[in-house]
Amino acid sequence: MIIKKKKVAFTVTSVEKDSIKGSRKNLPFAIAKNDINSIRKNNTPGTVLIAGGAATGVTLITVALINVLRDTSEVFTPDQY
């Protein structure tokens, strides 16, 4: 007999002695603690920090590249008399 492990995402409203209750798509939902293999919590602040860091990195690289191009264009531009 093969049992598939199904991932279920829901909002926890209460933790009972033998089950966890919550809601999923505005419907009540309960699961026995014995049936739970792993619990993963969403890490919203971590996701925001990663996205903010990536945006900052792209901005800094762009500004640095523009400054380097300006400096090199001044060196290679012939003087006009």
PDB file of N, CA and C in Angstrom:
ATOM      1  N   MET A   1       0.844  -1.178   0.000  1.00  0.00           N
ATOM      2  CA  MET A   1       0.000   0.000   0.000  1.00  0.00           C
ATOM      3  C   MET A   1       0.890   1.241   0.000  1.00  0.00           C
ATOM      4  N   ILE A   2       0.670   2.133  -0.945  1.00  0.00           N
ATOM      5  CA  ILE A   2       1.451   3.371  -1.061  1.00  0.00           C
ATOM      6  C   ILE A   2       0.605   4.531  -0.553  1.00  0.00           C
ATOM      7  N   ILE A   3       1.173   5.274   0.382  1.00  0.00           N
ATOM      8  CA  ILE A   3       0.486   6.439   0.925  1.00  0.00           C
ATOM      9  C   ILE A   3       1.218   7.680   0.443  1.00  0.00           C
ATOM     10  N   LYS A   4       0.493   8.547  -0.248  1.00  0.00           N
ATOM     11  CA  LYS A   4       1.087   9.797  -0.719  1.00  0.00           C
ATOM     12  C   LYS A   4       1.069  10.818   0.406  1.00  0.00           C
ATOM     13  N   LYS A   5       2.181  11.532   0.535  1.00  0.00           N
ATOM     14  CA  LYS A   5       2.235  12.626   1.494  1.00  0.00           C
ATOM     15  C   LYS A   5       1.715  13.865   0.796  1.00  0.00           C
ATOM     16  N   LYS A   6       0.674  14.427   1.335  1.00  0.00           N
ATOM     17  CA  LYS A   6       0.061  15.598   0.725  1.00  0.00           C
ATOM     18  C   LYS A   6       0.414  16.840   1.539  1.00  0.00           C
ATOM     19  N   LYS A   7       0.866  17.870   0.840  1.00  0.00           N
ATOM     20  CA  LYS A   7       1.159  19.143   1.506  1.00  0.00           C
ATOM     21  C   LYS A   7      -0.120  19.969   1.549  1.00  0.00           C
ATOM     22  N   VAL A   8      -0.425  20.476   2.728  1.00  0.00           N
ATOM     23  CA  VAL A   8      -1.633  21.268   2.917  1.00  0.00           C
ATOM     24  C   VAL A   8      -1.241  22.575   3.584  1.00  0.00           C
ATOM     25  N   ALA A   9      -1.648  23.681   2.997  1.00  0.00           N
ATOM     26  CA  ALA A   9      -1.386  24.993   3.581  1.00  0.00           C
ATOM     27  C   ALA A   9      -2.681  25.533   4.173  1.00  0.00           C
ATOM     28  N   PHE A  10      -2.629  25.939   5.437  1.00  0.00           N
ATOM     29  CA  PHE A  10      -3.799  26.541   6.059  1.00  0.00           C
ATOM     30  C   PHE A  10      -3.374  27.449   7.195  1.00  0.00           C
ATOM     31  N   THR A  11      -4.279  28.309   7.622  1.00  0.00           N
ATOM     32  CA  THR A  11      -4.021  29.241   8.712  1.00  0.00           C
ATOM     33  C   THR A  11      -4.452  28.591  10.022  1.00  0.00           C
ATOM     34  N   VAL A  12      -3.530  28.485  10.968  1.00  0.00           N
ATOM     35  CA  VAL A  12      -3.812  27.842  12.249  1.00  0.00           C
ATOM     36  C   VAL A  12      -4.594  28.800  13.136  1.00  0.00           C
ATOM     37  N   THR A  13      -5.711  28.290  13.685  1.00  0.00           N
ATOM     38  CA  THR A  13      -6.508  29.102  14.611  1.00  0.00           C
ATOM     39  C   THR A  13      -6.382  28.614  16.048  1.00  0.00           C
ATOM     40  N   SER A  14      -6.182  27.280  16.226  1.00  0.00           N
ATOM     41  CA  SER A  14      -6.001  26.763  17.587  1.00  0.00           C
ATOM     42  C   SER A  14      -5.247  25.439  17.552  1.00  0.00           C
ATOM     43  N   VAL A  15      -4.562  25.166  18.670  1.00  0.00           N
ATOM     44  CA  VAL A  15      -3.833  23.911  18.830  1.00  0.00           C
ATOM     45  C   VAL A  15      -4.473  23.170  19.993  1.00  0.00           C
ATOM     46  N   GLU A  16      -5.035  22.010  19.689  1.00  0.00           N
ATOM     47  CA  GLU A  16      -5.688  21.188  20.693  1.00  0.00           C
ATOM     48  C   GLU A  16      -4.712  20.128  21.198  1.00  0.00           C
ATOM     49  N   LYS A  17      -5.172  19.294  22.114  1.00  0.00           N
ATOM     50  CA  LYS A  17      -4.331  18.244  22.676  1.00  0.00           C
ATOM     51  C   LYS A  17      -3.891  17.244  21.605  1.00  0.00           C
ATOM     52  N   ASP A  18      -4.793  16.877  20.699  1.00  0.00           N
ATOM     53  CA  ASP A  18      -4.493  15.854  19.712  1.00  0.00           C
ATOM     54  C   ASP A  18      -4.663  16.313  18.267  1.00  0.00           C
ATOM     55  N   SER A  19      -4.978  17.582  18.049  1.00  0.00           N
ATOM     56  CA  SER A  19      -5.167  18.060  16.676  1.00  0.00           C
ATOM     57  C   SER A  19      -4.842  19.549  16.559  1.00  0.00           C
ATOM     58  N   ILE A  20      -4.701  19.965  15.339  1.00  0.00           N
ATOM     59  CA  ILE A  20      -4.498  21.379  15.029  1.00  0.00           C
ATOM     60  C   ILE A  20      -5.662  21.817  14.165  1.00  0.00           C
ATOM     61  N   LYS A  21      -6.294  22.914  14.556  1.00  0.00           N
ATOM     62  CA  LYS A  21      -7.455  23.406  13.820  1.00  0.00           C
ATOM     63  C   LYS A  21      -7.101  24.728  13.147  1.00  0.00           C
ATOM     64  N   GLY A  22      -7.728  24.941  12.012  1.00  0.00           N
ATOM     65  CA  GLY A  22      -7.485  26.166  11.286  1.00  0.00           C
ATOM     66  C   GLY A  22      -8.497  26.337  10.176  1.00  0.00           C
ATOM     67  N   SER A  23      -8.158  27.200   9.230  1.00  0.00           N
ATOM     68  CA  SER A  23      -9.055  27.428   8.102  1.00  0.00           C
ATOM     69  C   SER A  23      -8.243  27.461   6.814  1.00  0.00           C
ATOM     70  N   ARG A  24      -8.896  26.997   5.778  1.00  0.00           N
ATOM     71  CA  ARG A  24      -8.285  26.986   4.452  1.00  0.00           C
ATOM     72  C   ARG A  24      -9.345  27.427   3.468  1.00  0.00           C
ATOM     73  N   LYS A  25      -9.088  28.531   2.781  1.00  0.00           N
ATOM     74  CA  LYS A  25     -10.051  29.105   1.832  1.00  0.00           C
ATOM     75  C   LYS A  25     -11.407  29.330   2.516  1.00  0.00           C
ATOM     76  N   ASN A  26     -11.363  29.891   3.712  1.00  0.00           N
ATOM     77  CA  ASN A  26     -12.545  30.217   4.526  1.00  0.00           C
ATOM     78  C   ASN A  26     -13.362  28.997   4.924  1.00  0.00           C
ATOM     79  N   LEU A  27     -12.776  27.808   4.904  1.00  0.00           N
ATOM     80  CA  LEU A  27     -13.452  26.597   5.359  1.00  0.00           C
ATOM     81  C   LEU A  27     -12.713  26.049   6.576  1.00  0.00           C
ATOM     82  N   PRO A  28     -13.450  25.567   7.587  1.00  0.00           N
ATOM     83  CA  PRO A  28     -12.779  25.009   8.761  1.00  0.00           C
ATOM     84  C   PRO A  28     -11.990  23.755   8.382  1.00  0.00           C
ATOM     85  N   PHE A  29     -10.862  23.588   9.055  1.00  0.00           N
ATOM     86  CA  PHE A  29      -9.956  22.503   8.703  1.00  0.00           C
ATOM     87  C   PHE A  29      -9.299  22.007   9.979  1.00  0.00           C
ATOM     88  N   ALA A  30      -9.165  20.684  10.130  1.00  0.00           N
ATOM     89  CA  ALA A  30      -8.493  20.108  11.298  1.00  0.00           C
ATOM     90  C   ALA A  30      -7.653  18.928  10.840  1.00  0.00           C
ATOM     91  N   ILE A  31      -6.506  18.747  11.487  1.00  0.00           N
ATOM     92  CA  ILE A  31      -5.634  17.626  11.173  1.00  0.00           C
ATOM     93  C   ILE A  31      -5.093  17.056  12.477  1.00  0.00           C
ATOM     94  N   ALA A  32      -5.057  15.730  12.557  1.00  0.00           N
ATOM     95  CA  ALA A  32      -4.547  15.069  13.768  1.00  0.00           C
ATOM     96  C   ALA A  32      -3.038  15.261  13.858  1.00  0.00           C
ATOM     97  N   LYS A  33      -2.529  15.454  15.070  1.00  0.00           N
ATOM     98  CA  LYS A  33      -1.091  15.655  15.262  1.00  0.00           C
ATOM     99  C   LYS A  33      -0.292  14.437  14.806  1.00  0.00           C
ATOM    100  N   ASN A  34      -0.865  13.251  14.896  1.00  0.00           N
ATOM    101  CA  ASN A  34      -0.172  12.035  14.455  1.00  0.00           C
ATOM    102  C   ASN A  34       0.029  12.012  12.939  1.00  0.00           C
ATOM    103  N   ASP A  35      -0.805  12.736  12.194  1.00  0.00           N
ATOM    104  CA  ASP A  35      -0.718  12.752  10.730  1.00  0.00           C
ATOM    105  C   ASP A  35       0.247  13.807  10.199  1.00  0.00           C
ATOM    106  N   ILE A  36       0.828  14.592  11.079  1.00  0.00           N
ATOM    107  CA  ILE A  36       1.708  15.685  10.641  1.00  0.00           C
ATOM    108  C   ILE A  36       3.147  15.178  10.595  1.00  0.00           C
ATOM    109  N   ASN A  37       3.778  15.337   9.423  1.00  0.00           N
ATOM    110  CA  ASN A  37       5.179  14.942   9.274  1.00  0.00           C
ATOM    111  C   ASN A  37       6.112  16.121   9.498  1.00  0.00           C
ATOM    112  N   SER A  38       5.759  17.266   8.978  1.00  0.00           N
ATOM    113  CA  SER A  38       6.592  18.460   9.154  1.00  0.00           C
ATOM    114  C   SER A  38       5.717  19.698   9.107  1.00  0.00           C
ATOM    115  N   ILE A  39       6.178  20.730   9.796  1.00  0.00           N
ATOM    116  CA  ILE A  39       5.480  22.009   9.827  1.00  0.00           C
ATOM    117  C   ILE A  39       6.452  23.068   9.337  1.00  0.00           C
ATOM    118  N   ARG A  40       6.001  23.882   8.407  1.00  0.00           N
ATOM    119  CA  ARG A  40       6.846  24.952   7.886  1.00  0.00           C
ATOM    120  C   ARG A  40       6.078  26.263   7.978  1.00  0.00           C
ATOM    121  N   LYS A  41       6.702  27.246   8.571  1.00  0.00           N
ATOM    122  CA  LYS A  41       6.090  28.553   8.732  1.00  0.00           C
ATOM    123  C   LYS A  41       6.591  29.472   7.631  1.00  0.00           C
ATOM    124  N   ASN A  42       5.696  30.271   7.084  1.00  0.00           N
ATOM    125  CA  ASN A  42       6.111  31.259   6.089  1.00  0.00           C
ATOM    126  C   ASN A  42       7.007  32.294   6.745  1.00  0.00           C
ATOM    127  N   ASN A  43       8.084  32.655   6.066  1.00  0.00           N
ATOM    128  CA  ASN A  43       9.031  33.622   6.600  1.00  0.00           C
ATOM    129  C   ASN A  43       8.928  34.915   5.784  1.00  0.00           C
ATOM    130  N   THR A  44       7.859  35.656   5.988  1.00  0.00           N
ATOM    131  CA  THR A  44       7.624  36.872   5.227  1.00  0.00           C
ATOM    132  C   THR A  44       8.712  37.921   5.438  1.00  0.00           C
ATOM    133  N   PRO A  45       9.158  38.202   6.677  1.00  0.00           N
ATOM    134  CA  PRO A  45      10.229  39.193   6.834  1.00  0.00           C
ATOM    135  C   PRO A  45      11.514  38.786   6.112  1.00  0.00           C
ATOM    136  N   GLY A  46      11.839  37.518   6.127  1.00  0.00           N
ATOM    137  CA  GLY A  46      13.039  37.049   5.420  1.00  0.00           C
ATOM    138  C   GLY A  46      12.918  37.256   3.923  1.00  0.00           C
ATOM    139  N   THR A  47      11.752  36.994   3.378  1.00  0.00           N
ATOM    140  CA  THR A  47      11.522  37.184   1.945  1.00  0.00           C
ATOM    141  C   THR A  47      11.649  38.661   1.580  1.00  0.00           C
ATOM    142  N   VAL A  48      11.102  39.528   2.406  1.00  0.00           N
ATOM    143  CA  VAL A  48      11.186  40.971   2.146  1.00  0.00           C
ATOM    144  C   VAL A  48      12.639  41.436   2.184  1.00  0.00           C
ATOM    145  N   LEU A  49      13.417  40.936   3.150  1.00  0.00           N
ATOM    146  CA  LEU A  49      14.828  41.325   3.240  1.00  0.00           C
ATOM    147  C   LEU A  49      15.623  40.851   2.024  1.00  0.00           C
ATOM    148  N   ILE A  50      15.358  39.644   1.565  1.00  0.00           N
ATOM    149  CA  ILE A  50      16.063  39.139   0.382  1.00  0.00           C
ATOM    150  C   ILE A  50      15.726  39.972  -0.835  1.00  0.00           C
ATOM    151  N   ALA A  51      14.442  40.282  -1.035  1.00  0.00           N
ATOM    152  CA  ALA A  51      14.032  41.086  -2.191  1.00  0.00           C
ATOM    153  C   ALA A  51      14.623  42.491  -2.106  1.00  0.00           C
ATOM    154  N   GLY A  52      14.610  43.091  -0.920  1.00  0.00           N
ATOM    155  CA  GLY A  52      15.183  44.432  -0.743  1.00  0.00           C
ATOM    156  C   GLY A  52      16.679  44.439  -0.984  1.00  0.00           C
ATOM    157  N   GLY A  53      17.369  43.416  -0.500  1.00  0.00           N
ATOM    158  CA  GLY A  53      18.811  43.318  -0.718  1.00  0.00           C
ATOM    159  C   GLY A  53      19.150  43.150  -2.186  1.00  0.00           C
ATOM    160  N   ALA A  54      18.371  42.361  -2.894  1.00  0.00           N
ATOM    161  CA  ALA A  54      18.609  42.170  -4.327  1.00  0.00           C
ATOM    162  C   ALA A  54      18.393  43.476  -5.095  1.00  0.00           C
ATOM    163  N   ALA A  55      17.346  44.204  -4.768  1.00  0.00           N
ATOM    164  CA  ALA A  55      17.079  45.481  -5.435  1.00  0.00           C
ATOM    165  C   ALA A  55      18.183  46.486  -5.148  1.00  0.00           C
ATOM    166  N   THR A  56      18.647  46.533  -3.915  1.00  0.00           N
ATOM    167  CA  THR A  56      19.741  47.435  -3.554  1.00  0.00           C
ATOM    168  C   THR A  56      21.016  47.065  -4.297  1.00  0.00           C
ATOM    169  N   GLY A  57      21.302  45.787  -4.384  1.00  0.00           N
ATOM    170  CA  GLY A  57      22.497  45.333  -5.102  1.00  0.00           C
ATOM    171  C   GLY A  57      22.467  45.707  -6.570  1.00  0.00           C
ATOM    172  N   VAL A  58      21.330  45.527  -7.213  1.00  0.00           N
ATOM    173  CA  VAL A  58      21.200  45.890  -8.630  1.00  0.00           C
ATOM    174  C   VAL A  58      21.387  47.389  -8.811  1.00  0.00           C
ATOM    175  N   THR A  59      20.812  48.182  -7.914  1.00  0.00           N
ATOM    176  CA  THR A  59      20.948  49.638  -8.005  1.00  0.00           C
ATOM    177  C   THR A  59      22.398  50.063  -7.839  1.00  0.00           C
ATOM    178  N   LEU A  60      23.093  49.509  -6.852  1.00  0.00           N
ATOM    179  CA  LEU A  60      24.495  49.873  -6.621  1.00  0.00           C
ATOM    180  C   LEU A  60      25.386  49.475  -7.806  1.00  0.00           C
ATOM    181  N   ILE A  61      25.156  48.301  -8.372  1.00  0.00           N
ATOM    182  CA  ILE A  61      25.947  47.870  -9.527  1.00  0.00           C
ATOM    183  C   ILE A  61      25.697  48.782 -10.722  1.00  0.00           C
ATOM    184  N   THR A  62      24.454  49.185 -10.931  1.00  0.00           N
ATOM    185  CA  THR A  62      24.122  50.077 -12.038  1.00  0.00           C
ATOM    186  C   THR A  62      24.798  51.435 -11.876  1.00  0.00           C
ATOM    187  N   VAL A  63      24.739  51.998 -10.682  1.00  0.00           N
ATOM    188  CA  VAL A  63      25.368  53.300 -10.425  1.00  0.00           C
ATOM    189  C   VAL A  63      26.881  53.202 -10.605  1.00  0.00           C
ATOM    190  N   ALA A  64      27.483  52.141 -10.097  1.00  0.00           N
ATOM    191  CA  ALA A  64      28.931  51.966 -10.240  1.00  0.00           C
ATOM    192  C   ALA A  64      29.317  51.828 -11.716  1.00  0.00           C
ATOM    193  N   LEU A  65      28.537  51.095 -12.478  1.00  0.00           N
ATOM    194  CA  LEU A  65      28.817  50.912 -13.902  1.00  0.00           C
ATOM    195  C   LEU A  65      28.701  52.239 -14.659  1.00  0.00           C
ATOM    196  N   ILE A  66      27.711  53.033 -14.343  1.00  0.00           N
ATOM    197  CA  ILE A  66      27.554  54.345 -14.986  1.00  0.00           C
ATOM    198  C   ILE A  66      28.746  55.238 -14.662  1.00  0.00           C
ATOM    199  N   ASN A  67      29.188  55.254 -13.405  1.00  0.00           N
ATOM    200  CA  ASN A  67      30.335  56.084 -13.016  1.00  0.00           C
ATOM    201  C   ASN A  67      31.612  55.640 -13.731  1.00  0.00           C
ATOM    202  N   VAL A  68      31.825  54.337 -13.843  1.00  0.00           N
ATOM    203  CA  VAL A  68      33.010  53.832 -14.538  1.00  0.00           C
ATOM    204  C   VAL A  68      32.973  54.213 -16.011  1.00  0.00           C
ATOM    205  N   LEU A  69      31.815  54.098 -16.643  1.00  0.00           N
ATOM    206  CA  LEU A  69      31.692  54.463 -18.056  1.00  0.00           C
ATOM    207  C   LEU A  69      31.931  55.955 -18.268  1.00  0.00           C
ATOM    208  N   ARG A  70      31.457  56.793 -17.362  1.00  0.00           N
ATOM    209  CA  ARG A  70      31.709  58.239 -17.473  1.00  0.00           C
ATOM    210  C   ARG A  70      33.204  58.535 -17.357  1.00  0.00           C
ATOM    211  N   ASP A  71      33.866  57.902 -16.389  1.00  0.00           N
ATOM    212  CA  ASP A  71      35.296  58.135 -16.189  1.00  0.00           C
ATOM    213  C   ASP A  71      36.109  57.682 -17.396  1.00  0.00           C
ATOM    214  N   THR A  72      35.780  56.511 -17.935  1.00  0.00           N
ATOM    215  CA  THR A  72      36.541  56.011 -19.081  1.00  0.00           C
ATOM    216  C   THR A  72      36.238  56.813 -20.340  1.00  0.00           C
ATOM    217  N   SER A  73      35.050  57.350 -20.480  1.00  0.00           N
ATOM    218  CA  SER A  73      34.742  58.144 -21.672  1.00  0.00           C
ATOM    219  C   SER A  73      35.513  59.467 -21.652  1.00  0.00           C
ATOM    220  N   GLU A  74      35.775  60.018 -20.462  1.00  0.00           N
ATOM    221  CA  GLU A  74      36.566  61.250 -20.366  1.00  0.00           C
ATOM    222  C   GLU A  74      38.020  60.987 -20.754  1.00  0.00           C
ATOM    223  N   VAL A  75      38.548  59.832 -20.432  1.00  0.00           N
ATOM    224  CA  VAL A  75      39.930  59.503 -20.738  1.00  0.00           C
ATOM    225  C   VAL A  75      40.131  59.320 -22.231  1.00  0.00           C
ATOM    226  N   PHE A  76      39.195  58.678 -22.890  1.00  0.00           N
ATOM    227  CA  PHE A  76      39.356  58.344 -24.304  1.00  0.00           C
ATOM    228  C   PHE A  76      38.765  59.384 -25.258  1.00  0.00           C
ATOM    229  N   THR A  77      38.184  60.441 -24.745  1.00  0.00           N
ATOM    230  CA  THR A  77      37.639  61.494 -25.604  1.00  0.00           C
ATOM    231  C   THR A  77      38.772  62.468 -25.937  1.00  0.00           C
ATOM    232  N   PRO A  78      39.038  62.704 -27.223  1.00  0.00           N
ATOM    233  CA  PRO A  78      40.124  63.645 -27.569  1.00  0.00           C
ATOM    234  C   PRO A  78      39.754  65.080 -27.198  1.00  0.00           C
ATOM    235  N   ASP A  79      40.765  65.822 -26.795  1.00  0.00           N
ATOM    236  CA  ASP A  79      40.549  67.222 -26.451  1.00  0.00           C
ATOM    237  C   ASP A  79      40.276  68.019 -27.720  1.00  0.00           C
ATOM    238  N   GLN A  80      39.345  68.942 -27.637  1.00  0.00           N
ATOM    239  CA  GLN A  80      39.057  69.801 -28.784  1.00  0.00           C
ATOM    240  C   GLN A  80      39.680  71.171 -28.521  1.00  0.00           C
ATOM    241  N   TYR A  81      40.423  71.662 -29.515  1.00  0.00           N
ATOM    242  CA  TYR A  81      41.089  72.956 -29.351  1.00  0.00           C
ATOM    243  C   TYR A  81      40.346  74.063 -30.020  1.00  0.00           C
TER     244      TYR A  81
END
